[in-house]
Amino acid sequence: SINPIVQAYELATESGVYEMTSATRFVILANQENMDNARLQEVVKLINSECMGKQVVANATLAMVYGSEDDATADDILITIDKAKAAESGSDSEEAYVIEISADGVKVYAASENAVMYALRSIYLYMISIDGLAYGTIKDYPQLEERRLHVDCGRKYISKDWFIRQIREMSYMKFNTLQMHFSENAGFRIECETDPLIVSDQYLRKAEVREILAEAKKYGIKVIPSFDSPGHVDQMLRT
């Protein structure tokens, strides 16, 4: 099994195991919608980078191409956004996906770009944990629409680098929301140009917050800023 677990893994009647090799390609189905989708391309590149970093296929850089179903070989992973097919998972969630594994290779049908990201992670996590995927169908979707982590960076300064690392870990574990709590009695931790005196000695600059937001967007994480007001404003009243 893998962590986080999938909703269902239905084994096929035909026995066999799919393994990613140096011949494996990420093949994005070459329809106009997919080819115009920059976010889809970004997600596939991101997962390819993760595969290289985790050495899912040792000493191999996997190819990424656009192609038809006929172009995809038994080594390949064919990827497309298909909400109707993804709904066969049992959910109409934007994060639902279906993975079909057979002697013809692997086919991913996802409801959105972020669902593609989760699906491809599930594939390589099976490769890492049990050295392959048994022929069958994986169906997955979230039980909760929002999986949130709340970080109180008002009471305690937390660096940009920590947030970047945490965003990557959150996405890996299929969290999709980060709440950044910037202000508390003990601190006001984000740059304020209109009234700089309210800001604590340690704080996040606007440029750093923009970097955090960009990383969150890349990894499919929504960011919710949080400010306590009218209560919990001792730090602001000190001025």
Protein backbone atom coordinates (compact mmCIF):
# COMPACT_ATOMS: atom_id res chain seq x y z
CA SER A 1 0.00 0.00 0.00
CA ILE A 2 0.98 3.65 -0.29
CA ASN A 3 0.51 6.73 1.85
CA PRO A 4 -1.78 8.54 1.31
CA ILE A 5 -3.95 5.58 0.39
CA VAL A 6 -6.25 5.52 -2.64
CA GLN A 7 -9.99 4.93 -2.43
CA ALA A 8 -9.97 1.70 -4.44
CA TYR A 9 -7.60 -0.57 -6.34
CA GLU A 10 -9.56 -3.16 -8.31
CA LEU A 11 -7.36 -5.92 -9.70
CA ALA A 12 -7.91 -7.16 -13.24
CA THR A 13 -8.69 -10.79 -14.08
CA GLU A 14 -5.51 -10.83 -16.19
CA SER A 15 -2.47 -11.00 -13.94
CA GLY A 16 0.57 -8.85 -14.58
CA VAL A 17 2.61 -5.99 -13.24
CA TYR A 18 3.48 -2.65 -14.86
CA GLU A 19 6.90 -1.19 -14.10
CA MET A 20 8.32 2.20 -15.02
CA THR A 21 11.60 1.86 -16.92
CA SER A 22 14.01 4.10 -18.80
CA ALA A 23 11.73 3.58 -21.83
CA THR A 24 8.70 5.02 -20.01
CA ARG A 25 7.32 8.30 -21.35
CA PHE A 26 4.74 10.69 -19.97
CA VAL A 27 2.43 10.97 -22.98
CA ILE A 28 -0.12 13.78 -22.82
CA LEU A 29 -3.07 12.97 -25.06
CA ALA A 30 -2.70 15.33 -28.00
CA ASN A 31 -6.08 17.00 -28.20
CA GLN A 32 -6.37 20.77 -28.51
CA GLU A 33 -7.53 21.29 -24.94
CA ASN A 34 -4.56 19.43 -23.50
CA MET A 35 -2.05 21.04 -25.86
CA ASP A 36 -3.25 24.54 -24.92
CA ASN A 37 -3.08 23.73 -21.21
CA ALA A 38 0.13 25.23 -19.75
CA ARG A 39 -0.78 24.12 -16.23
CA LEU A 40 -1.07 20.48 -17.35
CA GLN A 41 2.38 20.68 -18.87
CA GLU A 42 3.73 22.26 -15.67
CA VAL A 43 2.27 19.44 -13.55
CA VAL A 44 3.77 16.69 -15.71
CA LYS A 45 7.17 18.41 -15.60
CA LEU A 46 6.87 18.73 -11.83
CA ILE A 47 6.16 15.01 -11.39
CA ASN A 48 8.95 14.10 -13.80
CA SER A 49 11.30 16.16 -11.65
CA GLU A 50 10.07 14.38 -8.51
CA CYS A 51 10.61 10.99 -10.17
CA MET A 52 14.20 11.93 -10.98
CA GLY A 53 14.79 13.25 -7.48
CA LYS A 54 13.47 10.05 -5.90
CA GLN A 55 15.22 7.87 -8.50
CA VAL A 56 12.04 6.02 -9.36
CA VAL A 57 13.88 4.92 -12.50
CA ALA A 58 17.58 4.92 -11.67
CA ASN A 59 19.78 7.18 -13.80
CA ALA A 60 16.97 7.91 -16.26
CA THR A 61 15.33 11.11 -17.41
CA LEU A 62 11.85 10.26 -18.65
CA ALA A 63 10.61 11.74 -21.89
CA MET A 64 7.50 13.93 -22.01
CA VAL A 65 5.58 14.10 -25.29
CA TYR A 66 2.18 14.76 -26.81
CA GLY A 67 0.65 11.84 -28.69
CA SER A 68 -2.41 9.80 -29.54
CA GLU A 69 -3.56 6.63 -27.80
CA ASP A 70 -2.01 4.67 -30.66
CA ASP A 71 1.32 6.42 -30.06
CA ALA A 72 1.48 5.25 -26.44
CA THR A 73 3.40 2.02 -25.92
CA ALA A 74 3.13 -0.58 -23.16
CA ASP A 75 5.93 1.26 -21.33
CA ASP A 76 4.16 4.63 -21.35
CA ILE A 77 1.80 6.56 -19.08
CA LEU A 78 -0.94 8.21 -21.15
CA ILE A 79 -2.42 11.31 -19.50
CA THR A 80 -5.55 13.28 -20.21
CA ILE A 81 -8.09 15.48 -18.46
CA ASP A 82 -11.43 13.73 -18.81
CA LYS A 83 -14.00 14.69 -16.17
CA ALA A 84 -16.57 12.14 -17.31
CA LYS A 85 -14.09 9.27 -17.10
CA ALA A 86 -12.70 10.55 -13.78
CA ALA A 87 -16.24 10.53 -12.37
CA GLU A 88 -16.20 6.73 -12.73
CA SER A 89 -14.11 6.88 -9.56
CA GLY A 90 -17.39 7.45 -7.74
CA SER A 91 -17.01 11.20 -7.25
CA ASP A 92 -17.49 14.36 -9.28
CA SER A 93 -14.67 16.06 -7.35
CA GLU A 94 -12.24 18.21 -9.34
CA GLU A 95 -9.50 16.10 -7.72
CA ALA A 96 -10.88 12.70 -8.78
CA TYR A 97 -8.96 10.42 -11.11
CA VAL A 98 -8.98 6.93 -12.59
CA ILE A 99 -5.84 4.96 -13.51
CA GLU A 100 -6.11 1.92 -15.78
CA ILE A 101 -3.15 -0.47 -15.72
CA SER A 102 -2.85 -3.29 -18.27
CA ALA A 103 -0.49 -4.96 -20.71
CA ASP A 104 -1.05 -1.92 -22.95
CA GLY A 105 0.51 0.41 -20.35
CA VAL A 106 -1.01 2.95 -17.98
CA LYS A 107 -3.81 5.40 -18.75
CA VAL A 108 -4.63 8.33 -16.45
CA TYR A 109 -8.02 10.06 -16.63
CA ALA A 110 -8.19 13.07 -14.32
CA ALA A 111 -10.81 15.70 -13.57
CA SER A 112 -8.26 18.54 -13.40
CA GLU A 113 -4.58 19.37 -13.56
CA ASN A 114 -4.19 18.89 -9.81
CA ALA A 115 -5.87 15.51 -10.11
CA VAL A 116 -3.24 14.59 -12.72
CA MET A 117 -0.57 15.53 -10.19
CA TYR A 118 -2.11 13.28 -7.52
CA ALA A 119 -2.59 10.42 -9.98
CA LEU A 120 1.00 10.49 -11.22
CA ARG A 121 2.26 10.59 -7.64
CA SER A 122 0.20 7.52 -6.81
CA ILE A 123 1.82 5.71 -9.74
CA TYR A 124 5.39 6.42 -8.73
CA LEU A 125 4.66 5.79 -5.04
CA TYR A 126 3.53 2.27 -5.95
CA MET A 127 6.75 1.92 -7.92
CA ILE A 128 8.75 2.91 -4.84
CA SER A 129 6.80 0.87 -2.29
CA ILE A 130 6.09 -2.39 -4.12
CA ASP A 131 8.14 -2.14 -7.33
CA GLY A 132 5.21 -1.87 -9.71
CA LEU A 133 1.48 -1.71 -10.30
CA ALA A 134 -0.61 -4.87 -10.63
CA TYR A 135 -2.95 -4.82 -13.63
CA GLY A 136 -6.26 -3.28 -12.66
CA THR A 137 -7.98 0.04 -12.02
CA ILE A 138 -7.21 2.64 -9.36
CA LYS A 139 -10.04 4.97 -8.40
CA ASP A 140 -9.34 7.89 -6.13
CA TYR A 141 -10.96 11.07 -4.86
CA PRO A 142 -10.85 13.11 -1.65
CA GLN A 143 -13.25 12.51 1.23
CA LEU A 144 -12.86 16.18 2.20
CA GLU A 145 -12.91 18.99 -0.35
CA GLU A 146 -10.52 21.09 1.76
CA ARG A 147 -7.54 19.52 3.54
CA ARG A 148 -6.03 22.41 5.45
CA LEU A 149 -2.95 23.15 7.50
CA HIS A 150 -3.13 26.20 9.79
CA VAL A 151 0.23 27.82 10.56
CA ASP A 152 0.40 30.44 13.32
CA CYS A 153 3.27 32.58 12.11
CA GLY A 154 1.94 35.52 14.15
CA ARG A 155 2.95 34.16 17.54
CA LYS A 156 6.20 32.74 16.17
CA TYR A 157 8.23 33.89 13.16
CA ILE A 158 8.43 31.22 10.48
CA SER A 159 10.76 31.64 7.52
CA LYS A 160 10.00 31.62 3.82
CA ASP A 161 12.18 28.53 3.34
CA TRP A 162 10.16 26.62 5.94
CA PHE A 163 6.91 27.47 4.13
CA ILE A 164 8.39 26.37 0.79
CA ARG A 165 9.39 23.00 2.24
CA GLN A 166 6.04 22.60 3.96
CA ILE A 167 4.08 23.35 0.78
CA ARG A 168 5.92 20.57 -1.03
CA GLU A 169 5.26 18.11 1.79
CA MET A 170 1.60 19.15 1.96
CA SER A 171 1.11 18.57 -1.76
CA TYR A 172 2.87 15.21 -1.50
CA MET A 173 0.34 14.18 1.19
CA LYS A 174 -2.58 15.59 -0.86
CA PHE A 175 -3.30 18.60 1.36
CA ASN A 176 -4.68 21.46 -0.72
CA THR A 177 -5.02 24.50 1.58
CA LEU A 178 -2.57 26.49 3.72
CA GLN A 179 -3.81 29.10 6.20
CA MET A 180 -1.14 31.65 7.14
CA HIS A 181 -2.04 33.41 10.39
CA PHE A 182 0.02 36.61 10.21
CA SER A 183 -1.09 38.66 13.23
CA GLU A 184 -1.54 37.97 16.93
CA ASN A 185 -0.94 39.69 20.26
CA ALA A 186 2.60 38.31 20.14
CA GLY A 187 3.46 39.55 16.67
CA PHE A 188 2.61 41.05 13.28
CA ARG A 189 4.69 39.08 10.79
CA ILE A 190 4.12 40.53 7.33
CA GLU A 191 5.64 43.66 5.85
CA CYS A 192 3.41 46.75 6.07
CA GLU A 193 4.58 49.80 4.11
CA THR A 194 1.70 52.04 5.23
CA ASP A 195 2.52 51.61 8.92
CA PRO A 196 5.88 49.85 9.37
CA LEU A 197 5.90 50.44 13.14
CA ILE A 198 3.27 47.75 13.73
CA VAL A 199 5.53 45.06 12.26
CA SER A 200 7.51 42.73 14.54
CA ASP A 201 11.31 42.55 14.41
CA GLN A 202 11.10 39.29 12.47
CA TYR A 203 8.61 39.19 9.63
CA LEU A 204 8.02 38.03 6.06
CA ARG A 205 8.71 40.60 3.36
CA LYS A 206 6.19 41.02 0.56
CA ALA A 207 8.67 39.57 -1.93
CA GLU A 208 9.00 36.48 0.25
CA VAL A 209 5.24 36.09 0.51
CA ARG A 210 5.00 36.32 -3.29
CA GLU A 211 7.53 33.48 -3.55
CA ILE A 212 5.44 31.42 -1.13
CA LEU A 213 2.28 32.11 -3.14
CA ALA A 214 3.99 31.15 -6.40
CA GLU A 215 5.23 27.88 -4.91
CA ALA A 216 1.79 27.14 -3.49
CA LYS A 217 0.16 27.68 -6.87
CA LYS A 218 2.70 25.39 -8.53
CA TYR A 219 1.96 22.61 -6.06
CA GLY A 220 -1.81 23.01 -6.10
CA ILE A 221 -2.11 24.63 -2.67
CA LYS A 222 -4.62 27.41 -1.97
CA VAL A 223 -3.37 30.02 0.53
CA ILE A 224 -5.72 31.73 3.00
CA PRO A 225 -4.26 34.78 4.84
CA SER A 226 -5.48 35.30 8.40
CA PHE A 227 -5.40 38.47 10.55
CA ASP A 228 -6.95 38.73 14.02
CA SER A 229 -9.00 41.92 14.37
CA PRO A 230 -10.39 43.69 16.34
CA GLY A 231 -9.03 41.38 19.07
CA HIS A 232 -5.51 39.99 19.45
CA VAL A 233 -3.93 43.25 18.24
CA ASP A 234 -1.54 44.06 21.12
CA GLN A 235 1.42 44.12 18.74
CA MET A 236 -0.22 46.79 16.58
CA LEU A 237 -1.30 48.86 19.60
CA ARG A 238 2.27 49.00 20.94
CA THR A 239 2.96 51.78 18.47
